[in-house]
């Protein structure tokens, strides 16, 4: 492959990735943190007791919890503890974001696999096929990184092993398919 083809392939990888990522963000929006933890709804006054904190939908953190470590920044720290006003809204956001990330992982996995297949089978022009396949790989990486923090080691191992087996199997299948076409070999076509 010459330099022009390599650059075209890289451009196709980047643009295919943009189409996938921004297409998903257009039609399947991610949860907005401010919907769950809005600065304007957080109480700005003094909070000195756990009952006052809980009435404001906060979580009281006793002084013994942070006595040996650094005190949290920008929070009212009293000898008996402090109020974490963002604790519950952070949990709510994290729960919604976990579901979004899982769904994003599923969507990008399907799109990535489809792009790999399309790039390998439908495009005889090497730069285009490789570029589409590269966009599929980037889509898989994008979805995986979004969900990775929520998944456990067993899930990470399983999905990585399945992915590795599928890609190796696909590479063998693609290689056999290309070897079977003697006309392309004779005329030097790719």
Protein backbone atom coordinates (compact mmCIF):
# COMPACT_ATOMS: atom_id res chain seq x y z
CA UNK A 1 0.00 0.00 0.00
CA UNK A 2 1.46 3.40 -0.96
CA UNK A 3 1.50 6.56 1.16
CA UNK A 4 -1.61 8.02 -0.49
CA UNK A 5 -3.59 4.87 0.27
CA UNK A 6 -2.36 4.86 3.87
CA UNK A 7 -3.41 8.48 4.36
CA UNK A 8 -6.79 7.83 2.76
CA UNK A 9 -7.21 4.81 5.02
CA UNK A 10 -6.37 6.88 8.11
CA UNK A 11 -8.82 9.60 7.03
CA UNK A 12 -11.53 6.97 6.57
CA UNK A 13 -10.79 5.53 10.03
CA UNK A 14 -11.13 8.96 11.64
CA UNK A 15 -14.26 9.96 9.71
CA UNK A 16 -15.94 6.58 10.23
CA UNK A 17 -15.24 6.91 13.96
CA UNK A 18 -16.73 10.42 14.01
CA UNK A 19 -19.84 9.23 12.17
CA UNK A 20 -20.35 6.39 14.65
CA UNK A 21 -19.59 8.36 17.82
CA UNK A 22 -21.50 11.53 16.92
CA UNK A 23 -24.31 9.53 15.37
CA UNK A 24 -24.79 7.65 18.63
CA UNK A 25 -24.56 10.88 20.66
CA UNK A 26 -27.17 12.48 18.38
CA UNK A 27 -29.71 9.68 18.62
CA UNK A 28 -28.88 8.27 22.08
CA UNK A 29 -27.90 11.11 24.39
CA UNK A 30 -25.82 10.48 27.47
CA UNK A 31 -27.27 11.40 30.86
CA UNK A 32 -26.57 14.97 31.97
CA UNK A 33 -24.90 15.27 35.39
CA UNK A 34 -26.67 18.59 36.06
CA UNK A 35 -30.03 16.86 35.82
CA UNK A 36 -29.12 14.89 38.94
CA UNK A 37 -26.71 17.20 40.78
CA UNK A 38 -27.69 20.74 39.91
CA UNK A 39 -25.58 23.46 41.57
CA UNK A 40 -28.58 25.79 41.93
CA UNK A 41 -30.55 23.31 44.03
CA UNK A 42 -27.76 22.61 46.52
CA UNK A 43 -28.09 24.31 49.90
CA UNK A 44 -25.47 27.02 50.48
CA UNK A 45 -25.85 27.64 54.25
CA UNK A 46 -24.30 26.06 57.33
CA UNK A 47 -25.07 22.39 57.96
CA UNK A 48 -24.03 21.30 61.44
CA UNK A 49 -26.05 18.17 62.20
CA UNK A 50 -26.83 14.87 60.53
CA UNK A 51 -30.61 15.48 60.73
CA UNK A 52 -30.23 18.86 59.00
CA UNK A 53 -28.05 17.19 56.34
CA UNK A 54 -30.53 14.36 55.72
CA UNK A 55 -33.45 16.80 55.45
CA UNK A 56 -31.55 18.43 52.56
CA UNK A 57 -31.05 15.02 50.84
CA UNK A 58 -27.42 14.82 51.87
CA UNK A 59 -25.37 12.14 53.58
CA UNK A 60 -23.71 12.88 56.91
CA UNK A 61 -20.09 11.74 57.10
CA UNK A 62 -18.90 11.36 60.71
CA UNK A 63 -15.58 12.94 61.69
CA UNK A 64 -14.09 9.51 62.38
CA UNK A 65 -14.42 8.68 58.67
CA UNK A 66 -11.95 11.33 57.60
CA UNK A 67 -10.01 11.95 60.85
CA UNK A 68 -6.81 10.26 59.61
CA UNK A 69 -6.96 11.47 56.02
CA UNK A 70 -7.23 14.77 54.21
CA UNK A 71 -10.37 16.76 54.89
CA UNK A 72 -12.62 17.22 51.86
CA UNK A 73 -12.21 20.51 50.00
CA UNK A 74 -14.99 23.08 49.72
CA UNK A 75 -17.18 21.41 52.33
CA UNK A 76 -18.25 22.64 55.75
CA UNK A 77 -16.15 20.53 58.12
CA UNK A 78 -17.29 20.48 61.75
CA UNK A 79 -15.73 18.55 64.62
CA UNK A 80 -18.58 16.02 64.45
CA UNK A 81 -18.52 15.53 60.66
CA UNK A 82 -19.66 17.10 57.43
CA UNK A 83 -22.56 16.92 55.01
CA UNK A 84 -21.99 15.47 51.55
CA UNK A 85 -24.85 17.10 49.64
CA UNK A 86 -23.84 15.38 46.41
CA UNK A 87 -23.71 11.81 47.71
CA UNK A 88 -27.20 10.66 46.68
CA UNK A 89 -27.42 12.63 43.45
CA UNK A 90 -24.00 11.24 42.46
CA UNK A 91 -25.31 7.72 43.13
CA UNK A 92 -28.43 8.37 41.04
CA UNK A 93 -26.34 9.76 38.18
CA UNK A 94 -23.88 6.87 38.41
CA UNK A 95 -26.73 4.29 38.26
CA UNK A 96 -28.23 5.93 35.16
CA UNK A 97 -24.79 6.37 33.58
CA UNK A 98 -23.98 2.70 34.19
CA UNK A 99 -27.06 1.64 32.21
CA UNK A 100 -26.24 4.14 29.46
CA UNK A 101 -22.64 2.89 29.28
CA UNK A 102 -23.77 -0.74 29.08
CA UNK A 103 -26.18 0.08 26.26
CA UNK A 104 -23.50 2.12 24.50
CA UNK A 105 -21.15 -0.85 24.78
CA UNK A 106 -23.73 -3.12 23.16
CA UNK A 107 -24.51 -0.61 20.38
CA UNK A 108 -20.85 0.08 19.54
CA UNK A 109 -19.99 -3.62 19.62
CA UNK A 110 -22.69 -4.35 17.07
CA UNK A 111 -21.70 -1.38 14.89
CA UNK A 112 -17.99 -2.22 15.19
CA UNK A 113 -18.53 -5.83 14.13
CA UNK A 114 -20.73 -4.75 11.20
CA UNK A 115 -18.06 -2.26 10.07
CA UNK A 116 -15.36 -4.94 10.29
CA UNK A 117 -17.43 -7.26 8.14
CA UNK A 118 -18.37 -4.55 5.63
CA UNK A 119 -14.77 -3.39 5.34
CA UNK A 120 -13.49 -6.93 4.84
CA UNK A 121 -16.10 -8.23 2.43
CA UNK A 122 -17.56 -5.37 0.42
CA UNK A 123 -14.62 -3.11 -0.34
CA UNK A 124 -11.96 -4.42 -2.69
CA UNK A 125 -10.13 -1.09 -2.60
CA UNK A 126 -7.65 -1.77 0.19
CA UNK A 127 -7.55 1.76 1.64
CA UNK A 128 -11.34 1.95 1.89
CA UNK A 129 -11.75 -1.55 3.32
CA UNK A 130 -8.94 -1.05 5.84
CA UNK A 131 -10.31 2.38 6.77
CA UNK A 132 -13.83 1.06 7.38
CA UNK A 133 -12.41 -1.83 9.41
CA UNK A 134 -10.27 0.62 11.40
CA UNK A 135 -13.39 2.68 12.12
CA UNK A 136 -15.01 -0.50 13.40
CA UNK A 137 -12.08 -1.11 15.72
CA UNK A 138 -12.26 2.47 17.04
CA UNK A 139 -16.01 2.01 17.62
CA UNK A 140 -15.32 -1.12 19.65
CA UNK A 141 -12.70 0.72 21.70
CA UNK A 142 -15.04 3.68 22.29
CA UNK A 143 -17.87 1.52 23.62
CA UNK A 144 -15.56 -0.64 25.71
CA UNK A 145 -13.88 2.29 27.44
CA UNK A 146 -17.25 3.77 28.41
CA UNK A 147 -18.42 0.57 30.13
CA UNK A 148 -15.06 -0.75 31.34
CA UNK A 149 -15.18 1.09 34.72
CA UNK A 150 -18.52 -0.51 35.60
CA UNK A 151 -17.58 -4.05 34.66
CA UNK A 152 -15.78 -6.54 36.85
CA UNK A 153 -12.61 -8.45 36.03
CA UNK A 154 -14.54 -11.60 35.06
CA UNK A 155 -16.59 -9.63 32.51
CA UNK A 156 -13.47 -7.89 31.18
CA UNK A 157 -11.66 -11.21 30.80
CA UNK A 158 -14.64 -12.90 29.15
CA UNK A 159 -15.36 -10.12 26.66
CA UNK A 160 -11.65 -9.77 25.82
CA UNK A 161 -11.30 -13.53 25.26
CA UNK A 162 -14.43 -13.70 23.10
CA UNK A 163 -13.26 -10.67 21.09
CA UNK A 164 -9.81 -12.17 20.58
CA UNK A 165 -11.22 -15.52 19.43
CA UNK A 166 -13.67 -13.83 17.04
CA UNK A 167 -11.05 -11.53 15.51
CA UNK A 168 -8.56 -14.40 15.03
CA UNK A 169 -11.30 -16.58 13.50
CA UNK A 170 -12.39 -13.71 11.26
CA UNK A 171 -8.79 -13.12 10.14
CA UNK A 172 -8.39 -16.81 9.23
CA UNK A 173 -11.69 -16.81 7.34
CA UNK A 174 -10.77 -13.62 5.48
CA UNK A 175 -7.32 -14.97 4.61
CA UNK A 176 -8.80 -18.23 3.22
CA UNK A 177 -11.38 -16.25 1.24
CA UNK A 178 -8.68 -14.13 -0.41
CA UNK A 179 -6.54 -17.18 -1.25
CA UNK A 180 -9.45 -18.83 -3.06
CA UNK A 181 -9.72 -16.11 -5.67
CA UNK A 182 -7.02 -17.04 -8.24
CA UNK A 183 -8.10 -14.39 -10.78
CA UNK A 184 -7.14 -11.62 -8.38
CA UNK A 185 -3.80 -13.32 -7.76
CA UNK A 186 -3.01 -13.76 -11.45
CA UNK A 187 -3.75 -10.14 -12.36
CA UNK A 188 -2.30 -8.73 -9.15
CA UNK A 189 -5.62 -7.25 -8.06
CA UNK A 190 -6.38 -6.71 -4.41
